[in-house]
Amino acid sequence: MSGPERITLAMTGASGAQYGLRLLDCLVREDREVHFLISKAAQLVMATETDVSLPAKPQAMQAFLTEYTGAQSGQIRVYGKEDWMSPVASGSGAPAAMVVVPCSTGTLSAIAAGACNNLIERAADVTLKERRQLILVPREAPLSTIHLENMLKLSQLGAVILPAAPGFYHQPQTIDDLIDFVVARVLNLLDIPQDMLPRWGEHHLGAED
């Protein structure tokens, strides 16, 4: 199996709930164990942008997402915002990679400042201090100087900033194609197989033979 077997997936209150849900589905299909975190703002955005309405309690949310994605029992683990005893809160138990998608600029700021006021911020702080893979997918426009400075700081600390800015060279036909473009880029960074988007140049292989 290529890529990490255990991944922390956090969703915060920026637009783009579809990206997080699609990534969750892909990780489940690739037999990864997902430690799932979501802010209250993200739940509100999800209810606004999609037809998915998550239960409020972590245990009920875990059961819902397990059924929604067809995951195996225990494959998705959901934690509350102050569950400080969860594996993601400590370097000795956290997964090797974390993705925040979508990543609000407020969350971006908190991670850059080292704030640990909730479990999402703490999990990201742990990922950075342990020199593990942290991928942040912001969705905001325009970007202020504060946003850009925070992104630069996090990039210098080792995080990958992957804006939710889909390309068009694959000639997308649907909104799902645009969502898959961004999710495929995340999976490529995680070194997890995906068949949604060919890597650049793959369609040219053999063209000159």
N, C-alpha and C. Protein backbone atom coordinates (compact mmCIF):
# COMPACT_ATOMS: atom_id res chain seq x y z
N MET A 1 0.84 -1.20 0.00
CA MET A 1 0.00 0.00 0.00
C MET A 1 0.88 1.25 0.00
N SER A 2 0.69 2.11 -0.99
CA SER A 2 1.44 3.36 -1.04
C SER A 2 0.69 4.43 -0.26
N GLY A 3 1.45 5.40 0.26
CA GLY A 3 0.84 6.47 1.03
C GLY A 3 0.51 6.05 2.44
N PRO A 4 0.10 6.99 3.30
CA PRO A 4 -0.19 6.70 4.70
C PRO A 4 -1.43 5.83 4.88
N GLU A 5 -1.37 4.93 5.85
CA GLU A 5 -2.53 4.08 6.14
C GLU A 5 -3.56 4.79 7.01
N ARG A 6 -3.10 5.77 7.81
CA ARG A 6 -3.97 6.52 8.69
C ARG A 6 -3.84 8.00 8.38
N ILE A 7 -4.97 8.68 8.23
CA ILE A 7 -4.98 10.08 7.83
C ILE A 7 -5.98 10.85 8.67
N THR A 8 -5.59 12.03 9.11
CA THR A 8 -6.53 12.94 9.76
C THR A 8 -7.14 13.84 8.70
N LEU A 9 -8.47 13.87 8.65
CA LEU A 9 -9.19 14.73 7.71
C LEU A 9 -10.03 15.71 8.52
N ALA A 10 -9.75 17.00 8.35
CA ALA A 10 -10.51 18.03 9.04
C ALA A 10 -11.23 18.91 8.04
N MET A 11 -12.45 19.29 8.37
CA MET A 11 -13.23 20.19 7.54
C MET A 11 -13.58 21.42 8.37
N THR A 12 -13.30 22.61 7.82
CA THR A 12 -13.61 23.85 8.52
C THR A 12 -14.55 24.70 7.67
N GLY A 13 -14.82 25.93 8.13
CA GLY A 13 -15.96 26.68 7.62
C GLY A 13 -15.83 27.46 6.34
N ALA A 14 -14.88 27.13 5.49
CA ALA A 14 -14.83 27.77 4.17
C ALA A 14 -15.79 27.07 3.21
N SER A 15 -16.11 27.74 2.13
CA SER A 15 -16.91 27.10 1.09
C SER A 15 -16.11 25.95 0.48
N GLY A 16 -16.83 24.90 0.07
CA GLY A 16 -16.15 23.76 -0.55
C GLY A 16 -16.30 22.48 0.23
N ALA A 17 -17.44 22.32 0.89
CA ALA A 17 -17.68 21.08 1.65
C ALA A 17 -17.59 19.86 0.75
N GLN A 18 -17.92 20.03 -0.52
CA GLN A 18 -17.88 18.91 -1.47
C GLN A 18 -16.48 18.32 -1.58
N TYR A 19 -15.47 19.15 -1.46
CA TYR A 19 -14.09 18.65 -1.54
C TYR A 19 -13.81 17.68 -0.39
N GLY A 20 -14.20 18.07 0.81
CA GLY A 20 -13.95 17.22 1.96
C GLY A 20 -14.71 15.91 1.90
N LEU A 21 -15.97 15.98 1.50
CA LEU A 21 -16.78 14.76 1.40
C LEU A 21 -16.23 13.82 0.33
N ARG A 22 -15.82 14.38 -0.79
CA ARG A 22 -15.27 13.55 -1.87
C ARG A 22 -13.96 12.91 -1.45
N LEU A 23 -13.11 13.67 -0.75
CA LEU A 23 -11.85 13.11 -0.28
C LEU A 23 -12.11 11.99 0.72
N LEU A 24 -13.06 12.19 1.60
CA LEU A 24 -13.40 11.14 2.56
C LEU A 24 -13.81 9.86 1.84
N ASP A 25 -14.65 10.00 0.83
CA ASP A 25 -15.09 8.84 0.05
C ASP A 25 -13.92 8.13 -0.60
N CYS A 26 -13.00 8.90 -1.18
CA CYS A 26 -11.83 8.32 -1.86
C CYS A 26 -10.92 7.60 -0.87
N LEU A 27 -10.71 8.18 0.29
CA LEU A 27 -9.85 7.55 1.30
C LEU A 27 -10.46 6.23 1.79
N VAL A 28 -11.77 6.21 1.94
CA VAL A 28 -12.44 4.98 2.35
C VAL A 28 -12.28 3.91 1.28
N ARG A 29 -12.45 4.29 0.02
CA ARG A 29 -12.32 3.32 -1.08
C ARG A 29 -10.90 2.77 -1.18
N GLU A 30 -9.93 3.55 -0.73
CA GLU A 30 -8.54 3.09 -0.76
C GLU A 30 -8.12 2.43 0.56
N ASP A 31 -9.11 2.08 1.36
CA ASP A 31 -8.89 1.31 2.60
C ASP A 31 -8.01 2.04 3.61
N ARG A 32 -8.15 3.37 3.70
CA ARG A 32 -7.41 4.13 4.70
C ARG A 32 -8.26 4.32 5.95
N GLU A 33 -7.60 4.40 7.08
CA GLU A 33 -8.27 4.71 8.33
C GLU A 33 -8.32 6.23 8.45
N VAL A 34 -9.52 6.78 8.62
CA VAL A 34 -9.69 8.23 8.61
C VAL A 34 -10.11 8.72 9.99
N HIS A 35 -9.34 9.65 10.54
CA HIS A 35 -9.68 10.32 11.78
C HIS A 35 -10.32 11.65 11.39
N PHE A 36 -11.62 11.76 11.61
CA PHE A 36 -12.42 12.85 11.05
C PHE A 36 -12.75 13.91 12.09
N LEU A 37 -12.46 15.17 11.73
CA LEU A 37 -12.76 16.32 12.58
C LEU A 37 -13.53 17.34 11.76
N ILE A 38 -14.50 18.00 12.37
CA ILE A 38 -15.26 19.00 11.64
C ILE A 38 -15.71 20.09 12.61
N SER A 39 -15.62 21.33 12.16
CA SER A 39 -16.05 22.46 12.98
C SER A 39 -17.55 22.69 12.82
N LYS A 40 -18.13 23.44 13.75
CA LYS A 40 -19.56 23.76 13.65
C LYS A 40 -19.84 24.59 12.40
N ALA A 41 -18.91 25.50 12.08
CA ALA A 41 -19.09 26.31 10.87
C ALA A 41 -19.09 25.44 9.63
N ALA A 42 -18.25 24.42 9.61
CA ALA A 42 -18.19 23.51 8.46
C ALA A 42 -19.49 22.72 8.32
N GLN A 43 -20.08 22.34 9.45
CA GLN A 43 -21.36 21.64 9.39
C GLN A 43 -22.45 22.53 8.81
N LEU A 44 -22.41 23.82 9.16
CA LEU A 44 -23.38 24.76 8.61
C LEU A 44 -23.18 24.93 7.11
N VAL A 45 -21.92 25.07 6.69
CA VAL A 45 -21.62 25.22 5.27
C VAL A 45 -22.05 23.97 4.51
N MET A 46 -21.77 22.79 5.08
CA MET A 46 -22.15 21.54 4.43
C MET A 46 -23.65 21.45 4.22
N ALA A 47 -24.43 21.85 5.23
CA ALA A 47 -25.88 21.82 5.11
C ALA A 47 -26.38 22.81 4.06
N THR A 48 -25.62 23.89 3.85
CA THR A 48 -25.98 24.91 2.88
C THR A 48 -25.62 24.49 1.46
N GLU A 49 -24.45 23.86 1.30
CA GLU A 49 -23.92 23.57 -0.03
C GLU A 49 -24.28 22.18 -0.56
N THR A 50 -24.67 21.28 0.31
CA THR A 50 -24.95 19.90 -0.10
C THR A 50 -26.26 19.43 0.51
N ASP A 51 -26.63 18.21 0.18
CA ASP A 51 -27.83 17.62 0.78
C ASP A 51 -27.47 16.74 1.98
N VAL A 52 -26.24 16.90 2.48
CA VAL A 52 -25.78 16.11 3.63
C VAL A 52 -25.94 16.94 4.90
N SER A 53 -26.66 16.38 5.86
CA SER A 53 -26.85 17.03 7.16
C SER A 53 -26.32 16.07 8.23
N LEU A 54 -25.18 16.42 8.81
CA LEU A 54 -24.54 15.53 9.77
C LEU A 54 -25.17 15.63 11.15
N PRO A 55 -25.27 14.51 11.85
CA PRO A 55 -25.70 14.55 13.25
C PRO A 55 -24.72 15.36 14.08
N ALA A 56 -25.17 15.89 15.19
CA ALA A 56 -24.32 16.76 16.00
C ALA A 56 -23.31 16.00 16.83
N LYS A 57 -23.69 14.85 17.37
CA LYS A 57 -22.82 14.12 18.28
C LYS A 57 -21.80 13.27 17.50
N PRO A 58 -20.56 13.22 17.98
CA PRO A 58 -19.51 12.47 17.28
C PRO A 58 -19.87 11.01 17.00
N GLN A 59 -20.44 10.32 17.97
CA GLN A 59 -20.75 8.90 17.77
C GLN A 59 -21.80 8.71 16.69
N ALA A 60 -22.83 9.57 16.71
CA ALA A 60 -23.87 9.49 15.68
C ALA A 60 -23.32 9.89 14.32
N MET A 61 -22.43 10.89 14.31
CA MET A 61 -21.81 11.32 13.06
C MET A 61 -20.94 10.20 12.49
N GLN A 62 -20.24 9.50 13.34
CA GLN A 62 -19.40 8.39 12.89
C GLN A 62 -20.24 7.30 12.24
N ALA A 63 -21.36 6.97 12.86
CA ALA A 63 -22.25 5.96 12.29
C ALA A 63 -22.82 6.43 10.95
N PHE A 64 -23.18 7.70 10.88
CA PHE A 64 -23.74 8.25 9.64
C PHE A 64 -22.71 8.20 8.51
N LEU A 65 -21.49 8.66 8.78
CA LEU A 65 -20.46 8.69 7.74
C LEU A 65 -20.02 7.30 7.32
N THR A 66 -20.03 6.37 8.26
CA THR A 66 -19.70 4.99 7.93
C THR A 66 -20.69 4.43 6.92
N GLU A 67 -21.98 4.69 7.16
CA GLU A 67 -23.01 4.22 6.23
C GLU A 67 -22.97 5.01 4.92
N TYR A 68 -22.74 6.31 5.01
CA TYR A 68 -22.75 7.20 3.84
C TYR A 68 -21.66 6.82 2.85
N THR A 69 -20.49 6.44 3.36
CA THR A 69 -19.35 6.13 2.49
C THR A 69 -19.19 4.63 2.23
N GLY A 70 -19.95 3.81 2.95
CA GLY A 70 -19.77 2.37 2.82
C GLY A 70 -18.51 1.87 3.49
N ALA A 71 -18.04 2.61 4.49
CA ALA A 71 -16.81 2.24 5.18
C ALA A 71 -17.02 1.02 6.06
N GLN A 72 -15.92 0.37 6.38
CA GLN A 72 -15.96 -0.74 7.32
C GLN A 72 -16.11 -0.19 8.73
N SER A 73 -16.58 -1.01 9.62
CA SER A 73 -16.75 -0.60 11.00
C SER A 73 -15.39 -0.19 11.59
N GLY A 74 -15.33 1.00 12.16
CA GLY A 74 -14.09 1.48 12.76
C GLY A 74 -13.14 2.15 11.79
N GLN A 75 -13.46 2.15 10.49
CA GLN A 75 -12.56 2.76 9.50
C GLN A 75 -12.57 4.29 9.60
N ILE A 76 -13.74 4.85 9.94
CA ILE A 76 -13.86 6.29 10.17
C ILE A 76 -14.04 6.52 11.66
N ARG A 77 -13.22 7.39 12.23
CA ARG A 77 -13.30 7.71 13.64
C ARG A 77 -13.53 9.21 13.78
N VAL A 78 -14.61 9.57 14.43
CA VAL A 78 -14.98 10.97 14.57
C VAL A 78 -14.72 11.43 16.01
N TYR A 79 -14.13 12.63 16.14
CA TYR A 79 -13.81 13.16 17.47
C TYR A 79 -14.42 14.56 17.62
N GLY A 80 -14.85 14.85 18.84
CA GLY A 80 -15.38 16.17 19.15
C GLY A 80 -14.28 17.22 19.24
N LYS A 81 -14.68 18.49 19.25
CA LYS A 81 -13.71 19.58 19.17
C LYS A 81 -12.84 19.71 20.42
N GLU A 82 -13.23 19.08 21.52
CA GLU A 82 -12.43 19.15 22.74
C GLU A 82 -12.08 17.76 23.27
N ASP A 83 -11.97 16.81 22.36
CA ASP A 83 -11.60 15.44 22.75
C ASP A 83 -10.07 15.35 22.82
N TRP A 84 -9.51 15.87 23.90
CA TRP A 84 -8.06 15.96 24.03
C TRP A 84 -7.38 14.62 24.24
N MET A 85 -8.16 13.57 24.50
CA MET A 85 -7.58 12.24 24.67
C MET A 85 -7.57 11.44 23.37
N SER A 86 -8.00 12.05 22.28
CA SER A 86 -8.00 11.34 20.99
C SER A 86 -6.58 11.21 20.46
N PRO A 87 -6.33 10.23 19.59
CA PRO A 87 -4.98 10.01 19.05
C PRO A 87 -4.39 11.23 18.35
N VAL A 88 -5.24 12.02 17.68
CA VAL A 88 -4.73 13.14 16.89
C VAL A 88 -4.17 14.26 17.75
N ALA A 89 -4.44 14.21 19.06
CA ALA A 89 -3.98 15.27 19.96
C ALA A 89 -2.56 15.07 20.44
N SER A 90 -1.95 13.97 20.08
CA SER A 90 -0.60 13.68 20.57
C SER A 90 0.28 13.14 19.45
N GLY A 91 1.54 13.51 19.47
CA GLY A 91 2.48 13.03 18.47
C GLY A 91 2.69 11.53 18.53
N SER A 92 2.42 10.93 19.67
CA SER A 92 2.63 9.48 19.80
C SER A 92 1.49 8.67 19.20
N GLY A 93 0.37 9.34 18.89
CA GLY A 93 -0.77 8.59 18.37
C GLY A 93 -1.34 9.10 17.07
N ALA A 94 -0.91 10.30 16.64
CA ALA A 94 -1.50 10.92 15.46
C ALA A 94 -1.09 10.22 14.17
N PRO A 95 -1.96 10.23 13.16
CA PRO A 95 -1.60 9.69 11.85
C PRO A 95 -0.43 10.43 11.23
N ALA A 96 0.13 9.84 10.18
CA ALA A 96 1.31 10.41 9.52
C ALA A 96 0.98 11.60 8.64
N ALA A 97 -0.27 11.83 8.35
CA ALA A 97 -0.65 12.93 7.47
C ALA A 97 -1.96 13.53 7.92
N MET A 98 -2.12 14.83 7.64
CA MET A 98 -3.36 15.53 7.95
C MET A 98 -3.72 16.44 6.78
N VAL A 99 -5.01 16.45 6.44
CA VAL A 99 -5.52 17.33 5.40
C VAL A 99 -6.65 18.17 5.99
N VAL A 100 -6.59 19.48 5.79
CA VAL A 100 -7.70 20.35 6.18
C VAL A 100 -8.34 20.86 4.90
N VAL A 101 -9.55 20.37 4.61
CA VAL A 101 -10.22 20.69 3.36
C VAL A 101 -11.73 20.71 3.56
N PRO A 102 -12.38 21.84 3.32
CA PRO A 102 -11.77 23.13 3.04
C PRO A 102 -11.15 23.72 4.31
N CYS A 103 -10.19 24.61 4.11
CA CYS A 103 -9.51 25.25 5.23
C CYS A 103 -9.89 26.73 5.25
N SER A 104 -10.61 27.14 6.27
CA SER A 104 -10.99 28.55 6.38
C SER A 104 -9.76 29.40 6.68
N THR A 105 -9.83 30.68 6.37
CA THR A 105 -8.71 31.56 6.68
C THR A 105 -8.55 31.75 8.18
N GLY A 106 -9.64 31.57 8.94
CA GLY A 106 -9.54 31.62 10.39
C GLY A 106 -8.73 30.46 10.92
N THR A 107 -8.99 29.27 10.40
CA THR A 107 -8.22 28.08 10.79
C THR A 107 -6.77 28.23 10.34
N LEU A 108 -6.57 28.75 9.15
CA LEU A 108 -5.22 28.99 8.63
C LEU A 108 -4.44 29.89 9.59
N SER A 109 -5.09 30.95 10.04
CA SER A 109 -4.47 31.88 10.97
C SER A 109 -4.13 31.21 12.29
N ALA A 110 -5.07 30.43 12.81
CA ALA A 110 -4.85 29.77 14.10
C ALA A 110 -3.69 28.78 14.04
N ILE A 111 -3.62 28.02 12.94
CA ILE A 111 -2.52 27.06 12.78
C ILE A 111 -1.19 27.79 12.67
N ALA A 112 -1.18 28.88 11.91
CA ALA A 112 0.05 29.65 11.74
C ALA A 112 0.53 30.24 13.06
N ALA A 113 -0.42 30.58 13.94
CA ALA A 113 -0.07 31.18 15.23
C ALA A 113 0.24 30.14 16.30
N GLY A 114 0.00 28.86 15.98
CA GLY A 114 0.23 27.81 16.97
C GLY A 114 -0.87 27.71 18.01
N ALA A 115 -2.03 28.26 17.71
CA ALA A 115 -3.15 28.19 18.64
C ALA A 115 -3.67 26.75 18.70
N CYS A 116 -4.11 26.37 19.87
CA CYS A 116 -4.64 25.01 20.06
C CYS A 116 -5.96 25.10 20.83
N ASN A 117 -6.86 25.95 20.35
CA ASN A 117 -8.10 26.19 21.06
C ASN A 117 -9.17 25.14 20.81
N ASN A 118 -8.95 24.28 19.82
CA ASN A 118 -9.85 23.16 19.57
C ASN A 118 -9.02 22.02 18.99
N LEU A 119 -9.66 20.88 18.78
CA LEU A 119 -8.91 19.70 18.37
C LEU A 119 -8.35 19.82 16.96
N ILE A 120 -9.03 20.53 16.08
CA ILE A 120 -8.50 20.70 14.72
C ILE A 120 -7.17 21.46 14.78
N GLU A 121 -7.15 22.54 15.53
CA GLU A 121 -5.93 23.34 15.65
C GLU A 121 -4.82 22.54 16.33
N ARG A 122 -5.17 21.79 17.36
CA ARG A 122 -4.18 20.98 18.06
C ARG A 122 -3.63 19.90 17.15
N ALA A 123 -4.49 19.24 16.39
CA ALA A 123 -4.04 18.18 15.49
C ALA A 123 -3.07 18.72 14.45
N ALA A 124 -3.37 19.91 13.92
CA ALA A 124 -2.46 20.53 12.95
C ALA A 124 -1.15 20.91 13.60
N ASP A 125 -1.20 21.40 14.83
CA ASP A 125 0.00 21.78 15.57
C ASP A 125 0.88 20.54 15.80
N VAL A 126 0.26 19.43 16.15
CA VAL A 126 0.99 18.18 16.34
C VAL A 126 1.64 17.74 15.04
N THR A 127 0.91 17.85 13.94
CA THR A 127 1.44 17.44 12.64
C THR A 127 2.69 18.26 12.28
N LEU A 128 2.63 19.55 12.55
CA LEU A 128 3.78 20.41 12.25
C LEU A 128 4.96 20.10 13.16
N LYS A 129 4.71 19.98 14.45
CA LYS A 129 5.84 19.78 15.37
C LYS A 129 6.51 18.43 15.19
N GLU A 130 5.75 17.45 14.70
CA GLU A 130 6.31 16.13 14.46
C GLU A 130 6.90 15.99 13.05
N ARG A 131 6.88 17.11 12.30
CA ARG A 131 7.41 17.13 10.93
C ARG A 131 6.70 16.11 10.03
N ARG A 132 5.39 16.02 10.22
CA ARG A 132 4.59 15.13 9.38
C ARG A 132 3.91 15.94 8.28
N GLN A 133 3.20 15.26 7.40
CA GLN A 133 2.62 15.91 6.23
C GLN A 133 1.33 16.63 6.59
N LEU A 134 1.30 17.94 6.32
CA LEU A 134 0.11 18.76 6.55
C LEU A 134 -0.25 19.45 5.24
N ILE A 135 -1.46 19.17 4.75
CA ILE A 135 -1.96 19.76 3.51
C ILE A 135 -3.16 20.63 3.85
N LEU A 136 -3.09 21.90 3.47
CA LEU A 136 -4.16 22.85 3.74
C LEU A 136 -4.78 23.30 2.41
N VAL A 137 -6.10 23.21 2.32
CA VAL A 137 -6.81 23.55 1.08
C VAL A 137 -7.73 24.75 1.33
N PRO A 138 -7.17 25.97 1.24
CA PRO A 138 -7.99 27.17 1.47
C PRO A 138 -8.89 27.47 0.29
N ARG A 139 -10.02 28.13 0.57
CA ARG A 139 -10.94 28.57 -0.48
C ARG A 139 -11.42 29.96 -0.07
N GLU A 140 -10.77 30.95 -0.61
CA GLU A 140 -11.11 32.34 -0.28
C GLU A 140 -10.70 33.22 -1.44
N ALA A 141 -11.44 34.30 -1.67
CA ALA A 141 -11.08 35.25 -2.74
C ALA A 141 -11.75 36.59 -2.46
N PRO A 142 -11.01 37.67 -2.58
CA PRO A 142 -9.56 37.72 -2.78
C PRO A 142 -8.83 37.39 -1.49
N LEU A 143 -7.52 37.23 -1.60
CA LEU A 143 -6.69 36.94 -0.44
C LEU A 143 -6.07 38.23 0.08
N SER A 144 -6.21 38.46 1.39
CA SER A 144 -5.61 39.65 1.99
C SER A 144 -4.13 39.40 2.26
N THR A 145 -3.42 40.45 2.60
CA THR A 145 -2.01 40.32 2.96
C THR A 145 -1.85 39.40 4.18
N ILE A 146 -2.80 39.48 5.10
CA ILE A 146 -2.76 38.60 6.28
C ILE A 146 -2.83 37.14 5.86
N HIS A 147 -3.76 36.84 4.95
CA HIS A 147 -3.89 35.45 4.47
C HIS A 147 -2.60 34.98 3.82
N LEU A 148 -2.05 35.82 2.97
CA LEU A 148 -0.84 35.46 2.24
C LEU A 148 0.35 35.28 3.18
N GLU A 149 0.46 36.15 4.18
CA GLU A 149 1.55 36.02 5.15
C GLU A 149 1.42 34.73 5.95
N ASN A 150 0.19 34.37 6.31
CA ASN A 150 -0.02 33.12 7.04
C ASN A 150 0.32 31.91 6.17
N MET A 151 -0.04 31.96 4.91
CA MET A 151 0.29 30.87 3.99
C MET A 151 1.80 30.73 3.82
N LEU A 152 2.47 31.87 3.68
CA LEU A 152 3.93 31.84 3.54
C LEU A 152 4.57 31.24 4.79
N LYS A 153 4.12 31.66 5.95
CA LYS A 153 4.67 31.15 7.20
C LYS A 153 4.49 29.64 7.30
N LEU A 154 3.28 29.17 6.99
CA LEU A 154 3.01 27.73 7.07
C LEU A 154 3.80 26.95 6.04
N SER A 155 3.96 27.51 4.85
CA SER A 155 4.77 26.86 3.82
C SER A 155 6.21 26.73 4.29
N GLN A 156 6.72 27.77 4.92
CA GLN A 156 8.09 27.73 5.44
C GLN A 156 8.23 26.72 6.57
N LEU A 157 7.14 26.43 7.26
CA LEU A 157 7.15 25.44 8.35
C LEU A 157 6.97 24.01 7.84
N GLY A 158 6.73 23.87 6.54
CA GLY A 158 6.64 22.54 5.96
C GLY A 158 5.27 22.13 5.49
N ALA A 159 4.25 22.94 5.75
CA ALA A 159 2.91 22.62 5.26
C ALA A 159 2.82 22.85 3.76
N VAL A 160 1.91 22.13 3.11
CA VAL A 160 1.64 22.34 1.69
C VAL A 160 0.34 23.13 1.57
N ILE A 161 0.39 24.25 0.86
CA ILE A 161 -0.80 25.05 0.61
C ILE A 161 -1.32 24.72 -0.78
N LEU A 162 -2.50 24.11 -0.83
CA LEU A 162 -3.09 23.69 -2.09
C LEU A 162 -4.44 24.38 -2.24
N PRO A 163 -4.47 25.56 -2.84
CA PRO A 163 -5.74 26.29 -2.98
C PRO A 163 -6.77 25.48 -3.77
N ALA A 164 -8.02 25.63 -3.38
CA ALA A 164 -9.10 24.96 -4.12
C ALA A 164 -9.34 25.74 -5.41
N ALA A 165 -8.41 25.57 -6.34
CA ALA A 165 -8.46 26.29 -7.62
C ALA A 165 -8.31 25.28 -8.75
N PRO A 166 -9.40 24.64 -9.16
CA PRO A 166 -9.31 23.60 -10.19
C PRO A 166 -8.85 24.14 -11.53
N GLY A 167 -8.09 23.30 -12.24
CA GLY A 167 -7.67 23.64 -13.58
C GLY A 167 -8.72 23.20 -14.60
N PHE A 168 -8.47 23.53 -15.86
CA PHE A 168 -9.44 23.21 -16.91
C PHE A 168 -8.82 22.46 -18.08
N TYR A 169 -7.53 22.11 -17.97
CA TYR A 169 -6.89 21.44 -19.09
C TYR A 169 -7.40 20.02 -19.30
N HIS A 170 -8.13 19.48 -18.31
CA HIS A 170 -8.73 18.14 -18.49
C HIS A 170 -10.14 18.24 -19.07
N GLN A 171 -10.54 19.46 -19.47
CA GLN A 171 -11.84 19.72 -20.11
C GLN A 171 -13.00 19.19 -19.26
N PRO A 172 -13.20 19.76 -18.08
CA PRO A 172 -14.28 19.31 -17.20
C PRO A 172 -15.65 19.53 -17.82
N GLN A 173 -16.53 18.57 -17.59
CA GLN A 173 -17.89 18.64 -18.12
C GLN A 173 -18.92 18.91 -17.04
N THR A 174 -18.57 18.62 -15.80
CA THR A 174 -19.51 18.76 -14.70
C THR A 174 -18.82 19.39 -13.49
N ILE A 175 -19.62 19.79 -12.51
CA ILE A 175 -19.07 20.29 -11.26
C ILE A 175 -18.26 19.21 -10.57
N ASP A 176 -18.72 17.97 -10.67
CA ASP A 176 -17.98 16.85 -10.06
C ASP A 176 -16.57 16.74 -10.64
N ASP A 177 -16.42 17.04 -11.92
CA ASP A 177 -15.09 17.00 -12.54
C ASP A 177 -14.17 18.04 -11.90
N LEU A 178 -14.71 19.21 -11.57
CA LEU A 178 -13.93 20.26 -10.94
C LEU A 178 -13.55 19.88 -9.51
N ILE A 179 -14.49 19.26 -8.81
CA ILE A 179 -14.21 18.78 -7.46
C ILE A 179 -13.13 17.72 -7.49
N ASP A 180 -13.25 16.80 -8.43
CA ASP A 180 -12.29 15.70 -8.53
C ASP A 180 -10.89 16.20 -8.85
N PHE A 181 -10.78 17.30 -9.58
CA PHE A 181 -9.47 17.86 -9.91
C PHE A 181 -8.70 18.19 -8.64
N VAL A 182 -9.35 18.89 -7.71
CA VAL A 182 -8.69 19.29 -6.47
C VAL A 182 -8.43 18.08 -5.59
N VAL A 183 -9.40 17.19 -5.47
CA VAL A 183 -9.23 16.01 -4.63
C VAL A 183 -8.12 15.11 -5.16
N ALA A 184 -8.04 14.99 -6.48
CA ALA A 184 -6.97 14.18 -7.08
C ALA A 184 -5.61 14.75 -6.74
N ARG A 185 -5.48 16.08 -6.74
CA ARG A 185 -4.21 16.71 -6.38
C ARG A 185 -3.82 16.39 -4.93
N VAL A 186 -4.81 16.38 -4.06
CA VAL A 186 -4.55 16.01 -2.66
C VAL A 186 -4.07 14.57 -2.57
N LEU A 187 -4.75 13.68 -3.27
CA LEU A 187 -4.37 12.26 -3.24
C LEU A 187 -2.97 12.06 -3.82
N ASN A 188 -2.63 12.80 -4.86
CA ASN A 188 -1.29 12.71 -5.43
C ASN A 188 -0.23 13.10 -4.39
N LEU A 189 -0.50 14.16 -3.65
CA LEU A 189 0.43 14.60 -2.62
C LEU A 189 0.58 13.54 -1.52
N LEU A 190 -0.51 12.86 -1.23
CA LEU A 190 -0.48 11.80 -0.22
C LEU A 190 0.11 10.49 -0.76
N ASP A 191 0.37 10.45 -2.06
CA ASP A 191 0.87 9.25 -2.74
C ASP A 191 -0.13 8.10 -2.63
N ILE A 192 -1.40 8.46 -2.75
CA ILE A 192 -2.48 7.48 -2.73
C ILE A 192 -3.04 7.36 -4.14
N PRO A 193 -3.20 6.15 -4.65
CA PRO A 193 -3.67 5.96 -6.03
C PRO A 193 -5.02 6.63 -6.29
N GLN A 194 -5.16 7.20 -7.47
CA GLN A 194 -6.43 7.80 -7.88
C GLN A 194 -6.53 7.71 -9.39
N ASP A 195 -7.76 7.56 -9.89
CA ASP A 195 -7.97 7.46 -11.34
C ASP A 195 -8.88 8.57 -11.86
N MET A 196 -9.01 9.64 -11.07
CA MET A 196 -9.89 10.74 -11.44
C MET A 196 -9.23 11.71 -12.40
N LEU A 197 -7.92 11.84 -12.28
CA LEU A 197 -7.20 12.83 -13.07
C LEU A 197 -5.83 12.27 -13.45
N PRO A 198 -5.55 12.15 -14.76
CA PRO A 198 -4.23 11.65 -15.15
C PRO A 198 -3.15 12.64 -14.78
N ARG A 199 -2.01 12.13 -14.36
CA ARG A 199 -0.89 13.01 -14.08
C ARG A 199 -0.44 13.67 -15.38
N TRP A 200 0.10 14.87 -15.26
CA TRP A 200 0.46 15.65 -16.45
C TRP A 200 1.40 14.85 -17.36
N GLY A 201 1.04 14.75 -18.62
CA GLY A 201 1.85 14.07 -19.59
C GLY A 201 1.49 12.62 -19.82
N GLU A 202 0.69 12.03 -18.94
CA GLU A 202 0.35 10.61 -19.07
C GLU A 202 -0.39 10.33 -20.36
N HIS A 203 -1.26 11.26 -20.79
CA HIS A 203 -2.04 11.01 -22.02
C HIS A 203 -1.20 11.14 -23.28
N HIS A 204 0.05 11.64 -23.11
CA HIS A 204 0.94 11.76 -24.26
C HIS A 204 1.86 10.55 -24.41
N LEU A 205 1.85 9.68 -23.41
CA LEU A 205 2.75 8.53 -23.46
C LEU A 205 2.46 7.69 -24.71
N GLY A 206 3.47 7.38 -25.45
CA GLY A 206 3.29 6.56 -26.65
C GLY A 206 2.90 7.34 -27.89
N ALA A 207 2.65 8.67 -27.72
CA ALA A 207 2.18 9.46 -28.86
C ALA A 207 3.24 9.57 -29.95
N GLU A 208 4.52 9.49 -29.55
CA GLU A 208 5.58 9.63 -30.55
C GLU A 208 6.13 8.29 -30.99
N ASP A 209 5.56 7.20 -30.50
CA ASP A 209 6.05 5.87 -30.90
C ASP A 209 5.59 5.53 -32.32
